[in-house]
């Protein structure tokens, strides 16, 4: 059981240094947005036709992308200019660029309160410590900036507990912020592996999946923070995505350039698919069970499908 390779989608050549970073899918409109960091742009793919259609420019050092389908919004974190971008999904019209902390990266959104959390990597000690910035999206205004104990990575939101979870690389913890009182860290969850990086939330099991630089995947109880299970990966991971209908987790490993497929029901790695060296970021179209791996050397998206059925 594995991911079946369907083909490739050509993307624009790199203009500057870097490659691709985080990506998100708007299933209603059939569009995939990927941060093309090397081009200071958000590349847009039509997932129905399997073609690149355009790029949204003027996003310096864009690193993160997030879609909220319910409110037809697209968010970006622009690490080269210390801003987040907020767009309408229709036509990608820029609603605002908002100044945040130093080197923004991870994004999570509370659609009920309409609050966006941006996790800022920071660049201590010269230009700023790691932090998170919370933004009132309708008002386009910063609500709070909260210092973090170390370099931030990815972040997710749990709508049932009203909690943001933020990976911190060192010390290896997950910082927890309550959306109802977001101007401080509510608590910290210890992670038993070095370098928490990729993060996803399993609502049906009340679990957090944390992929760590040490080459470990850790499952934690999202209520108590207790460690439930651990698993060895093929190498240091980056982006992860949960396919809840398949009960599979996909883990991008840039070195050697593979995707690990984890069966969550049995907590076992059931397959590894080769991508390309340096391909550390992926996207998931949950409606079609398709995984997109972004290949920095050949400027393409590799398209795969979970053929579990």
Protein backbone atom coordinates (compact mmCIF):
# COMPACT_ATOMS: atom_id res chain seq x y z
CA UNK A 1 0.00 0.00 0.00
CA UNK A 2 1.53 3.29 -1.06
CA UNK A 3 1.14 6.52 -2.96
CA UNK A 4 0.68 6.03 -6.70
CA UNK A 5 2.54 8.46 -8.95
CA UNK A 6 0.20 10.23 -11.39
CA UNK A 7 2.52 12.77 -13.02
CA UNK A 8 4.16 16.18 -12.71
CA UNK A 9 3.09 19.82 -12.94
CA UNK A 10 5.71 22.26 -14.23
CA UNK A 11 6.16 25.41 -12.13
CA UNK A 12 8.14 28.61 -12.83
CA UNK A 13 11.92 28.36 -12.61
CA UNK A 14 13.56 29.77 -9.50
CA UNK A 15 14.57 33.41 -9.84
CA UNK A 16 16.52 33.73 -6.58
CA UNK A 17 17.82 31.61 -3.74
CA UNK A 18 15.62 29.04 -2.03
CA UNK A 19 12.86 26.82 -3.33
CA UNK A 20 9.32 26.01 -2.23
CA UNK A 21 7.77 26.08 1.22
CA UNK A 22 4.34 25.54 2.76
CA UNK A 23 1.25 24.96 0.63
CA UNK A 24 -2.53 24.77 1.08
CA UNK A 25 -5.52 23.63 -0.98
CA UNK A 26 -8.84 25.42 -1.53
CA UNK A 27 -11.04 22.41 -2.34
CA UNK A 28 -14.13 24.48 -3.14
CA UNK A 29 -12.34 26.38 -5.90
CA UNK A 30 -10.03 23.54 -6.89
CA UNK A 31 -6.86 25.56 -6.33
CA UNK A 32 -3.57 24.80 -4.64
CA UNK A 33 -1.36 27.61 -3.33
CA UNK A 34 2.35 26.97 -2.75
CA UNK A 35 4.89 29.40 -1.35
CA UNK A 36 7.57 29.80 -4.04
CA UNK A 37 10.12 31.39 -1.74
CA UNK A 38 12.79 31.73 -4.43
CA UNK A 39 10.40 33.86 -6.50
CA UNK A 40 8.77 35.93 -3.72
CA UNK A 41 5.47 34.61 -5.03
CA UNK A 42 2.57 32.28 -4.35
CA UNK A 43 2.22 29.81 -7.23
CA UNK A 44 -1.35 28.73 -8.02
CA UNK A 45 -2.21 25.28 -9.42
CA UNK A 46 -5.60 24.22 -10.76
CA UNK A 47 -5.93 20.76 -9.22
CA UNK A 48 -8.80 19.80 -11.53
CA UNK A 49 -6.85 20.35 -14.73
CA UNK A 50 -3.48 19.56 -13.15
CA UNK A 51 -1.88 22.77 -14.44
CA UNK A 52 -0.06 25.80 -13.11
CA UNK A 53 -2.24 28.85 -13.80
CA UNK A 54 -0.60 31.95 -12.29
CA UNK A 55 1.48 33.44 -9.47
CA UNK A 56 0.67 36.06 -6.85
CA UNK A 57 3.71 38.33 -6.75
CA UNK A 58 5.23 40.84 -4.29
CA UNK A 59 5.43 38.48 -1.30
CA UNK A 60 9.04 38.85 -0.25
CA UNK A 61 10.45 35.61 1.13
CA UNK A 62 7.02 33.99 1.29
CA UNK A 63 7.22 30.91 3.53
CA UNK A 64 3.73 29.98 4.72
CA UNK A 65 0.37 29.53 3.03
CA UNK A 66 -2.98 28.82 4.65
CA UNK A 67 -6.55 28.69 3.27
CA UNK A 68 -9.80 29.20 5.15
CA UNK A 69 -12.49 27.87 2.83
CA UNK A 70 -15.42 28.94 5.02
CA UNK A 71 -14.51 32.62 4.73
CA UNK A 72 -12.82 32.46 1.31
CA UNK A 73 -9.50 33.76 2.59
CA UNK A 74 -5.87 33.00 1.79
CA UNK A 75 -3.09 33.88 4.24
CA UNK A 76 0.66 34.09 3.62
CA UNK A 77 3.67 34.61 5.89
CA UNK A 78 6.29 36.75 4.15
CA UNK A 79 9.55 36.08 5.91
CA UNK A 80 11.63 38.55 3.87
CA UNK A 81 9.52 41.55 4.88
CA UNK A 82 8.13 40.49 8.29
CA UNK A 83 4.50 40.64 7.19
CA UNK A 84 1.49 38.42 6.74
CA UNK A 85 -0.68 38.81 3.67
CA UNK A 86 -4.47 38.43 3.68
CA UNK A 87 -6.22 37.83 0.35
CA UNK A 88 -9.68 37.12 -0.91
CA UNK A 89 -9.80 33.72 -2.56
CA UNK A 90 -11.69 35.20 -5.49
CA UNK A 91 -9.04 36.67 -7.74
CA UNK A 92 -6.40 36.76 -4.97
CA UNK A 93 -7.11 40.43 -4.29
CA UNK A 94 -4.84 41.77 -1.55
CA UNK A 95 -6.84 42.88 1.45
CA UNK A 96 -3.89 43.75 3.65
CA UNK A 97 -0.27 43.26 4.58
CA UNK A 98 0.23 43.43 8.32
CA UNK A 99 3.56 43.88 10.09
CA UNK A 100 4.33 41.02 12.48
CA UNK A 101 7.42 39.66 14.25
CA UNK A 102 10.79 38.75 12.77
CA UNK A 103 10.78 36.08 10.01
CA UNK A 104 7.17 34.85 10.11
CA UNK A 105 6.56 31.23 9.11
CA UNK A 106 3.80 29.04 10.60
CA UNK A 107 0.13 30.04 10.35
CA UNK A 108 -3.06 28.91 12.10
CA UNK A 109 -6.55 30.42 12.07
CA UNK A 110 -9.49 30.57 14.49
CA UNK A 111 -12.48 31.12 12.14
CA UNK A 112 -14.97 31.76 14.95
CA UNK A 113 -13.04 34.66 16.47
CA UNK A 114 -11.44 35.45 13.10
CA UNK A 115 -7.99 35.51 14.67
CA UNK A 116 -4.86 34.54 12.74
CA UNK A 117 -1.77 33.33 14.59
CA UNK A 118 1.59 33.81 12.92
CA UNK A 119 4.61 32.02 14.39
CA UNK A 120 7.74 34.14 13.96
CA UNK A 121 11.07 32.30 13.76
CA UNK A 122 12.98 35.31 15.01
CA UNK A 123 16.66 36.06 14.54
CA UNK A 124 18.19 36.45 17.99
CA UNK A 125 20.10 38.23 19.30
CA UNK A 126 20.50 40.82 16.54
CA UNK A 127 17.02 41.62 15.26
CA UNK A 128 14.40 39.99 17.39
CA UNK A 129 13.48 36.99 19.51
CA UNK A 130 11.06 34.23 18.45
CA UNK A 131 7.42 35.15 19.03
CA UNK A 132 3.87 34.69 17.84
CA UNK A 133 1.67 37.50 16.56
CA UNK A 134 -2.11 37.32 16.85
CA UNK A 135 -4.10 39.33 14.31
CA UNK A 136 -7.72 40.47 14.24
CA UNK A 137 -8.45 39.66 10.59
CA UNK A 138 -11.54 41.87 10.03
CA UNK A 139 -9.79 44.85 11.64
CA UNK A 140 -6.39 44.04 10.07
CA UNK A 141 -4.85 44.82 13.45
CA UNK A 142 -2.38 43.14 15.80
CA UNK A 143 -4.02 41.91 19.00
CA UNK A 144 -0.95 40.64 20.82
CA UNK A 145 2.68 39.61 20.40
CA UNK A 146 3.77 36.80 22.70
CA UNK A 147 7.45 35.84 23.21
CA UNK A 148 8.27 32.17 22.60
CA UNK A 149 10.87 30.10 24.49
CA UNK A 150 12.76 29.26 21.27
CA UNK A 151 12.63 29.13 17.48
CA UNK A 152 9.10 28.48 16.26
CA UNK A 153 8.12 25.98 13.58
CA UNK A 154 4.60 25.04 12.38
CA UNK A 155 1.35 25.67 14.25
CA UNK A 156 -2.24 24.31 14.29
CA UNK A 157 -5.59 25.22 15.84
CA UNK A 158 -8.02 23.02 17.80
CA UNK A 159 -11.54 24.51 17.52
CA UNK A 160 -13.02 22.32 20.27
CA UNK A 161 -10.55 23.42 22.95
CA UNK A 162 -10.07 26.89 21.40
CA UNK A 163 -6.32 26.33 21.50
CA UNK A 164 -3.39 27.18 19.25
CA UNK A 165 -0.45 24.74 19.35
CA UNK A 166 2.98 26.05 18.27
CA UNK A 167 6.04 23.86 17.71
CA UNK A 168 9.25 25.17 19.27
CA UNK A 169 12.54 23.65 18.07
CA UNK A 170 14.71 24.26 21.14
CA UNK A 171 13.75 23.64 23.85
CA UNK A 172 11.67 20.83 22.27
CA UNK A 173 8.18 21.85 23.36
CA UNK A 174 4.77 22.70 21.98
CA UNK A 175 3.59 26.08 23.26
CA UNK A 176 -0.18 26.26 23.88
CA UNK A 177 -2.14 29.52 23.62
CA UNK A 178 -5.81 29.90 24.48
CA UNK A 179 -7.68 31.83 21.77
CA UNK A 180 -9.92 33.29 24.48
CA UNK A 181 -6.93 34.78 26.31
CA UNK A 182 -4.20 34.86 23.67
CA UNK A 183 -1.69 37.29 25.12
CA UNK A 184 0.31 34.66 27.01
CA UNK A 185 1.42 31.03 26.84
CA UNK A 186 -1.17 28.94 28.67
CA UNK A 187 1.14 25.93 29.07
CA UNK A 188 3.96 24.00 27.40
CA UNK A 189 3.98 20.37 26.28
CA UNK A 190 7.34 18.58 26.42
CA UNK A 191 8.25 16.68 23.26
CA UNK A 192 10.58 13.66 23.77
CA UNK A 193 12.64 14.22 20.61
CA UNK A 194 14.94 16.94 19.33
CA UNK A 195 13.62 19.69 17.05
CA UNK A 196 9.79 19.66 16.78
CA UNK A 197 9.10 20.70 13.18
CA UNK A 198 6.00 19.52 11.27
CA UNK A 199 2.70 19.50 13.19
CA UNK A 200 -0.86 18.35 12.52
CA UNK A 201 -3.99 17.81 14.60
CA UNK A 202 -6.19 14.70 14.58
CA UNK A 203 -9.58 15.84 15.83
CA UNK A 204 -11.16 12.37 15.84
CA UNK A 205 -8.45 10.93 18.10
CA UNK A 206 -7.64 14.13 20.05
CA UNK A 207 -4.00 13.75 19.05
CA UNK A 208 -1.18 15.98 17.96
CA UNK A 209 1.33 14.53 15.49
CA UNK A 210 4.74 16.15 15.86
CA UNK A 211 7.53 15.34 13.40
CA UNK A 212 10.96 16.09 14.86
CA UNK A 213 14.39 16.84 13.37
CA UNK A 214 15.75 13.82 15.25
CA UNK A 215 13.92 11.64 12.71
CA UNK A 216 11.07 10.79 15.05
CA UNK A 217 7.29 11.09 14.80
CA UNK A 218 5.57 11.58 18.15
CA UNK A 219 1.84 11.29 18.92
CA UNK A 220 0.62 13.28 21.92
CA UNK A 221 -2.74 13.64 23.64
CA UNK A 222 -4.02 17.11 22.71
CA UNK A 223 -5.80 17.48 26.08
CA UNK A 224 -3.13 16.29 28.50
CA UNK A 225 0.06 16.47 26.44
CA UNK A 226 0.86 12.84 27.34
CA UNK A 227 3.07 10.95 24.90
CA UNK A 228 1.04 8.19 23.24
CA UNK A 229 3.50 6.71 20.75
CA UNK A 230 6.74 7.25 18.86
CA UNK A 231 7.92 6.11 15.43
CA UNK A 232 11.19 6.23 13.47
CA UNK A 233 11.14 8.13 10.17
CA UNK A 234 13.41 7.96 7.11
CA UNK A 235 15.26 11.12 8.14
CA UNK A 236 14.74 14.64 9.46
CA UNK A 237 11.14 15.58 8.54
CA UNK A 238 9.52 18.87 7.67
CA UNK A 239 5.90 19.26 6.51
CA UNK A 240 3.29 16.67 7.53
CA UNK A 241 -0.36 16.25 6.53
CA UNK A 242 -3.14 14.12 8.00
CA UNK A 243 -5.60 12.32 5.72
CA UNK A 244 -8.27 11.47 8.29
CA UNK A 245 -10.47 9.50 5.86
CA UNK A 246 -7.58 7.16 5.01
CA UNK A 247 -6.18 7.29 8.57
CA UNK A 248 -2.82 8.05 6.99
CA UNK A 249 -0.18 10.64 7.80
CA UNK A 250 2.21 11.84 5.07
CA UNK A 251 5.64 13.06 6.18
CA UNK A 252 7.99 14.94 3.85
CA UNK A 253 11.68 14.13 4.40
CA UNK A 254 13.98 16.37 2.34
CA UNK A 255 17.08 14.24 2.91
CA UNK A 256 17.11 11.75 1.20
CA UNK A 257 13.98 13.08 -0.55
CA UNK A 258 11.02 10.82 0.30
CA UNK A 259 7.51 10.82 1.70
CA UNK A 260 6.87 8.42 4.58
CA UNK A 261 3.30 7.08 4.81
CA UNK A 262 2.16 6.22 8.34
CA UNK A 263 -0.93 4.10 9.07
CA UNK A 264 -2.32 5.73 12.20
CA UNK A 265 -4.65 2.85 13.06
CA UNK A 266 -1.71 0.50 13.50
CA UNK A 267 0.90 3.20 14.17
CA UNK A 268 3.24 1.73 11.57
CA UNK A 269 5.08 3.08 8.54
CA UNK A 270 3.49 1.33 5.56
CA UNK A 271 5.42 2.89 2.70
CA UNK A 272 8.09 5.29 1.53
CA UNK A 273 7.94 7.05 -1.84
CA UNK A 274 10.94 8.69 -3.48
CA UNK A 275 10.49 12.36 -4.48
CA UNK A 276 13.65 14.43 -5.01
CA UNK A 277 16.54 15.45 -2.78
CA UNK A 278 15.59 18.62 -0.93
CA UNK A 279 11.84 18.12 -1.41
CA UNK A 280 10.84 19.00 2.13
CA UNK A 281 7.32 20.30 1.57
CA UNK A 282 4.04 18.75 0.44
CA UNK A 283 0.33 19.56 0.16
CA UNK A 284 -2.79 17.41 0.51
CA UNK A 285 -6.03 17.62 -1.47
CA UNK A 286 -8.27 15.70 0.95
CA UNK A 287 -11.17 15.52 -1.47
CA UNK A 288 -9.18 13.62 -4.08
CA UNK A 289 -6.70 11.95 -1.68
CA UNK A 290 -3.91 13.51 -3.72
CA UNK A 291 -0.51 14.48 -2.34
CA UNK A 292 1.65 17.10 -4.05
CA UNK A 293 5.40 17.09 -3.43
CA UNK A 294 7.30 20.21 -4.47
CA UNK A 295 10.62 19.46 -6.16
CA UNK A 296 13.18 22.29 -5.80
CA UNK A 297 15.75 21.02 -8.32
CA UNK A 298 13.38 20.48 -11.25
CA UNK A 299 10.80 23.20 -10.41
CA UNK A 300 7.86 20.82 -10.48
CA UNK A 301 5.04 19.46 -8.36
CA UNK A 302 4.96 15.68 -8.21
CA UNK A 303 1.36 14.43 -8.05
CA UNK A 304 0.51 11.24 -6.15
CA UNK A 305 -2.73 9.59 -5.06
CA UNK A 306 -3.43 7.47 -2.00
CA UNK A 307 -4.88 4.33 -3.60
CA UNK A 308 -5.89 2.64 -0.35
CA UNK A 309 -9.28 1.68 -1.86
